[in-house]
């Protein structure tokens, strides 16, 4: 009987520790950290309340209200708050990431300054790969032939635009050059001319061109001429100018006191 009882009792399974929720600080830690709950196990209303509570806890520590040496800049906090107002679902993952940073500070793995630096980078990381600056309005302008690219406009990946310039207006890009319009000098292709911004197939000296710059600073130039339908390959910005590398000798055609000025239009393409 004793043998049977011993078998029946057997070794006890370890009792699982309840997950930590809220503020907690180990004996050897330098600061307390806020532990978010397991959001996925909550009902919708309960989860929304838990998000608000976690956000309030994080802000209180970032603002230095806990007097534990942690302090983010006011600008960083405002920028983070601005992003989260439109993306509240980001709070769940952010609260988990913040806990990891806090534990690193608490155990001496990183400094409070490192944590604050992470905070300044949060707005960009929270919106990485997203774009809210779609090109939606039509832009009218006059082409400037005496300077490099100008008037930069934000654009999102996939945005399709129509860029066009008037062909009736003429200008010259050298003292002895031909009078040309936005289509450029058809007798002088720019293919292979490395000093010119547009030096691919379809580029001509002096023509209207478009430059796209992505978020990493990479640039691509496309020939426009009278018209170009362009689709942004990534998030970035666009600008325009003429295909030239010297501008001091460029002049507009003038007759009878009237001076030509080509207009440029950039509009969402249907």
Protein backbone atom coordinates (compact mmCIF):
# COMPACT_ATOMS: atom_id res chain seq x y z
CA UNK A 1 0.00 0.00 0.00
CA UNK A 2 2.79 2.41 0.83
CA UNK A 3 4.37 1.74 -2.57
CA UNK A 4 1.09 2.45 -4.34
CA UNK A 5 0.57 5.72 -2.49
CA UNK A 6 4.04 6.86 -3.39
CA UNK A 7 3.33 6.21 -7.07
CA UNK A 8 0.03 8.01 -6.87
CA UNK A 9 1.57 11.11 -5.36
CA UNK A 10 4.61 11.24 -7.66
CA UNK A 11 6.69 14.39 -8.26
CA UNK A 12 4.72 17.62 -8.32
CA UNK A 13 4.74 19.76 -11.45
CA UNK A 14 6.27 23.22 -10.91
CA UNK A 15 3.72 25.93 -10.32
CA UNK A 16 3.80 28.42 -13.18
CA UNK A 17 4.47 31.96 -12.07
CA UNK A 18 1.71 34.41 -12.91
CA UNK A 19 2.78 36.91 -15.60
CA UNK A 20 3.94 40.27 -14.26
CA UNK A 21 1.66 43.18 -15.08
CA UNK A 22 2.32 46.81 -14.14
CA UNK A 23 5.34 48.28 -12.43
CA UNK A 24 7.99 45.84 -11.21
CA UNK A 25 11.58 46.17 -10.01
CA UNK A 26 13.99 43.38 -9.12
CA UNK A 27 16.27 43.89 -6.11
CA UNK A 28 19.34 44.49 -8.29
CA UNK A 29 17.62 46.76 -10.80
CA UNK A 30 18.32 50.47 -10.95
CA UNK A 31 14.81 51.38 -12.18
CA UNK A 32 11.33 49.93 -12.18
CA UNK A 33 9.82 48.80 -15.48
CA UNK A 34 6.23 48.68 -16.69
CA UNK A 35 5.10 45.22 -17.77
CA UNK A 36 2.23 45.30 -20.29
CA UNK A 37 -0.44 42.59 -20.16
CA UNK A 38 -1.03 39.85 -22.70
CA UNK A 39 -3.24 41.94 -24.96
CA UNK A 40 -4.16 39.05 -27.23
CA UNK A 41 -5.99 37.30 -24.38
CA UNK A 42 -8.23 40.31 -23.69
CA UNK A 43 -11.61 41.34 -25.01
CA UNK A 44 -11.65 44.42 -27.25
CA UNK A 45 -12.77 46.97 -24.64
CA UNK A 46 -10.42 45.55 -22.04
CA UNK A 47 -7.56 45.67 -24.56
CA UNK A 48 -8.23 49.33 -25.39
CA UNK A 49 -8.16 50.24 -21.70
CA UNK A 50 -4.91 48.30 -21.25
CA UNK A 51 -3.35 50.20 -24.16
CA UNK A 52 -4.24 53.54 -22.60
CA UNK A 53 -2.83 52.46 -19.26
CA UNK A 54 0.43 51.24 -20.83
CA UNK A 55 0.80 54.46 -22.82
CA UNK A 56 0.22 56.57 -19.71
CA UNK A 57 2.84 54.53 -17.83
CA UNK A 58 5.44 54.89 -20.59
CA UNK A 59 4.89 58.63 -20.92
CA UNK A 60 5.18 59.13 -17.17
CA UNK A 61 8.59 57.46 -17.13
CA UNK A 62 9.81 59.13 -20.33
CA UNK A 63 8.84 62.55 -18.95
CA UNK A 64 10.91 61.94 -15.80
CA UNK A 65 7.89 61.86 -13.51
CA UNK A 66 9.15 58.73 -11.74
CA UNK A 67 12.37 60.48 -10.67
CA UNK A 68 14.46 57.45 -11.66
CA UNK A 69 16.89 59.23 -13.98
CA UNK A 70 14.96 58.40 -17.14
CA UNK A 71 14.06 61.42 -19.29
CA UNK A 72 13.25 61.71 -22.99
CA UNK A 73 13.19 65.12 -24.72
CA UNK A 74 9.86 66.88 -24.97
CA UNK A 75 10.20 66.93 -28.77
CA UNK A 76 10.65 63.15 -28.87
CA UNK A 77 7.61 62.53 -26.70
CA UNK A 78 5.44 64.87 -28.76
CA UNK A 79 6.56 63.18 -31.99
CA UNK A 80 5.83 59.71 -30.58
CA UNK A 81 2.43 60.84 -29.33
CA UNK A 82 1.57 62.35 -32.73
CA UNK A 83 2.26 59.03 -34.47
CA UNK A 84 0.35 56.95 -31.91
CA UNK A 85 -2.74 59.17 -32.13
CA UNK A 86 -3.29 57.88 -35.66
CA UNK A 87 -1.84 54.42 -35.03
CA UNK A 88 -3.06 53.27 -31.58
CA UNK A 89 -2.57 49.63 -32.55
CA UNK A 90 1.18 50.30 -32.44
CA UNK A 91 0.98 50.78 -28.65
CA UNK A 92 0.90 47.05 -27.95
CA UNK A 93 4.19 46.22 -29.65
CA UNK A 94 5.76 49.48 -28.50
CA UNK A 95 5.02 48.70 -24.86
CA UNK A 96 6.79 45.35 -25.24
CA UNK A 97 9.80 46.94 -26.93
CA UNK A 98 9.91 49.60 -24.23
CA UNK A 99 9.95 46.93 -21.53
CA UNK A 100 13.00 45.34 -23.13
CA UNK A 101 14.80 48.70 -23.22
CA UNK A 102 13.85 49.36 -19.63
CA UNK A 103 15.20 46.00 -18.48
CA UNK A 104 18.46 46.68 -20.31
CA UNK A 105 18.78 49.98 -18.46
CA UNK A 106 17.78 48.40 -15.15
CA UNK A 107 20.47 45.74 -15.46
CA UNK A 108 23.14 48.13 -16.71
CA UNK A 109 23.30 46.72 -20.26
CA UNK A 110 22.64 50.19 -21.72
CA UNK A 111 22.47 53.71 -20.29
CA UNK A 112 19.45 55.95 -19.81
CA UNK A 113 20.94 58.12 -22.60
CA UNK A 114 20.83 55.11 -24.93
CA UNK A 115 17.19 54.61 -24.05
CA UNK A 116 16.45 58.28 -24.80
CA UNK A 117 18.23 57.98 -28.16
CA UNK A 118 16.02 55.00 -28.96
CA UNK A 119 13.08 57.29 -28.17
CA UNK A 120 14.17 59.90 -30.73
CA UNK A 121 14.23 57.19 -33.39
CA UNK A 122 10.79 55.81 -32.55
CA UNK A 123 8.65 58.07 -34.81
CA UNK A 124 10.64 56.96 -37.88
CA UNK A 125 10.60 53.29 -36.91
CA UNK A 126 6.86 53.36 -36.12
CA UNK A 127 6.10 54.68 -39.62
CA UNK A 128 8.82 52.80 -41.53
CA UNK A 129 7.64 51.77 -44.97
CA UNK A 130 4.51 53.91 -44.73
CA UNK A 131 3.76 57.09 -46.65
CA UNK A 132 1.14 59.73 -45.92
CA UNK A 133 2.40 62.32 -48.42
CA UNK A 134 0.62 61.18 -51.56
CA UNK A 135 0.86 63.54 -54.53
CA UNK A 136 -2.76 64.65 -54.81
CA UNK A 137 -2.74 68.30 -55.94
CA UNK A 138 -1.95 69.82 -59.34
CA UNK A 139 1.10 72.08 -59.44
CA UNK A 140 1.51 74.91 -61.98
CA UNK A 141 4.84 76.67 -62.36
CA UNK A 142 7.18 78.36 -64.83
CA UNK A 143 10.30 76.53 -65.92
CA UNK A 144 13.52 78.07 -64.61
CA UNK A 145 16.34 77.63 -67.16
CA UNK A 146 19.00 79.50 -65.21
CA UNK A 147 19.34 77.15 -62.24
CA UNK A 148 19.50 73.48 -61.28
CA UNK A 149 16.53 71.41 -60.05
CA UNK A 150 14.09 73.26 -57.80
CA UNK A 151 10.68 72.98 -56.11
CA UNK A 152 10.72 69.52 -54.52
CA UNK A 153 7.44 67.69 -53.88
CA UNK A 154 6.79 64.63 -51.71
CA UNK A 155 5.40 61.52 -53.37
CA UNK A 156 4.49 58.00 -52.27
CA UNK A 157 5.31 54.66 -53.85
CA UNK A 158 2.80 53.86 -56.58
CA UNK A 159 1.62 57.45 -57.08
CA UNK A 160 1.14 58.11 -60.79
CA UNK A 161 1.65 61.65 -62.06
CA UNK A 162 1.56 63.49 -65.38
CA UNK A 163 4.39 65.97 -65.95
CA UNK A 164 4.11 68.31 -68.93
CA UNK A 165 5.62 71.51 -70.32
CA UNK A 166 4.47 73.94 -73.00
CA UNK A 167 6.23 73.51 -76.35
CA UNK A 168 5.48 76.95 -77.84
CA UNK A 169 8.04 78.72 -75.62
CA UNK A 170 11.67 78.71 -76.73
CA UNK A 171 15.04 79.12 -75.05
CA UNK A 172 18.72 78.63 -75.79
CA UNK A 173 21.28 76.84 -73.59
CA UNK A 174 24.45 78.19 -75.24
CA UNK A 175 25.38 81.41 -77.01
CA UNK A 176 25.66 79.73 -80.40
CA UNK A 177 23.06 77.03 -79.80
CA UNK A 178 19.73 76.44 -81.49
CA UNK A 179 16.45 77.76 -80.12
CA UNK A 180 14.74 74.82 -78.48
CA UNK A 181 11.69 74.05 -76.33
CA UNK A 182 11.02 71.58 -73.49
CA UNK A 183 11.60 68.67 -75.87
CA UNK A 184 15.28 69.65 -76.04
CA UNK A 185 17.70 69.76 -78.96
CA UNK A 186 16.70 66.84 -81.19
CA UNK A 187 20.06 67.08 -82.98
CA UNK A 188 21.99 66.56 -79.75
CA UNK A 189 21.11 63.33 -77.85
CA UNK A 190 22.52 63.17 -74.29
CA UNK A 191 23.16 59.44 -74.21
CA UNK A 192 26.47 58.81 -72.46
CA UNK A 193 27.15 62.45 -71.57
CA UNK A 194 28.11 61.91 -67.93
CA UNK A 195 28.14 65.62 -67.01
CA UNK A 196 24.44 65.91 -67.79
CA UNK A 197 21.84 64.68 -65.28
CA UNK A 198 19.82 62.87 -67.97
CA UNK A 199 22.21 60.78 -70.08
CA UNK A 200 20.17 57.72 -70.96
CA UNK A 201 18.29 56.71 -74.09
CA UNK A 202 15.61 59.32 -74.86
CA UNK A 203 17.45 62.22 -73.20
CA UNK A 204 18.34 65.34 -75.21
CA UNK A 205 20.34 68.43 -74.33
CA UNK A 206 18.23 71.13 -72.71
CA UNK A 207 15.00 69.11 -72.45
CA UNK A 208 12.62 69.17 -69.49
CA UNK A 209 13.58 66.37 -67.07
CA UNK A 210 12.30 64.91 -63.80
CA UNK A 211 14.45 63.79 -60.86
CA UNK A 212 13.17 61.33 -58.25
CA UNK A 213 14.96 60.93 -54.89
CA UNK A 214 14.00 58.05 -52.60
CA UNK A 215 14.11 58.12 -48.79
CA UNK A 216 17.67 56.77 -48.80
CA UNK A 217 18.91 59.56 -51.06
CA UNK A 218 19.19 57.51 -54.26
CA UNK A 219 18.41 59.59 -57.36
CA UNK A 220 17.04 58.68 -60.77
CA UNK A 221 16.44 61.09 -63.66
CA UNK A 222 13.85 60.64 -66.39
CA UNK A 223 13.31 62.53 -69.66
CA UNK A 224 10.03 64.45 -69.77
CA UNK A 225 9.97 66.63 -72.87
CA UNK A 226 6.42 67.68 -73.63
CA UNK A 227 4.88 65.03 -71.35
CA UNK A 228 5.71 62.08 -69.13
CA UNK A 229 3.44 59.73 -67.17
CA UNK A 230 5.52 58.71 -64.17
CA UNK A 231 4.89 56.15 -61.41
CA UNK A 232 6.91 56.57 -58.21
CA UNK A 233 8.97 53.41 -57.56
CA UNK A 234 9.25 54.16 -53.83
CA UNK A 235 8.46 56.83 -51.24
CA UNK A 236 10.45 59.98 -51.87
CA UNK A 237 10.31 63.32 -53.66
CA UNK A 238 10.31 64.71 -57.19
CA UNK A 239 11.74 67.85 -58.73
CA UNK A 240 12.27 69.12 -62.27
CA UNK A 241 14.60 71.21 -64.41
CA UNK A 242 16.34 71.19 -67.78
CA UNK A 243 19.02 68.79 -68.96
CA UNK A 244 22.03 71.08 -68.73
CA UNK A 245 25.23 71.43 -66.72
CA UNK A 246 25.86 75.17 -67.24
CA UNK A 247 23.18 77.77 -66.69
CA UNK A 248 24.86 81.17 -66.92
CA UNK A 249 24.41 81.42 -70.72
CA UNK A 250 20.79 80.23 -70.91
CA UNK A 251 18.27 82.77 -72.23
CA UNK A 252 14.60 82.87 -73.22
CA UNK A 253 13.55 83.83 -76.73
CA UNK A 254 12.44 87.45 -76.97
CA UNK A 255 10.53 89.20 -79.76
CA UNK A 256 8.91 92.61 -79.78
CA UNK A 257 9.39 93.10 -76.07
CA UNK A 258 7.72 89.78 -75.24
CA UNK A 259 9.80 87.11 -73.50
CA UNK A 260 8.88 83.42 -73.65
CA UNK A 261 8.38 81.51 -70.38
CA UNK A 262 7.47 77.82 -70.59
CA UNK A 263 4.99 76.60 -68.02
CA UNK A 264 5.21 73.26 -66.21
CA UNK A 265 2.29 71.26 -64.86
CA UNK A 266 2.51 68.29 -62.48
CA UNK A 267 -0.78 66.57 -61.79
CA UNK A 268 -2.11 63.21 -60.56
CA UNK A 269 -2.59 60.95 -63.57
CA UNK A 270 -5.99 59.39 -63.97
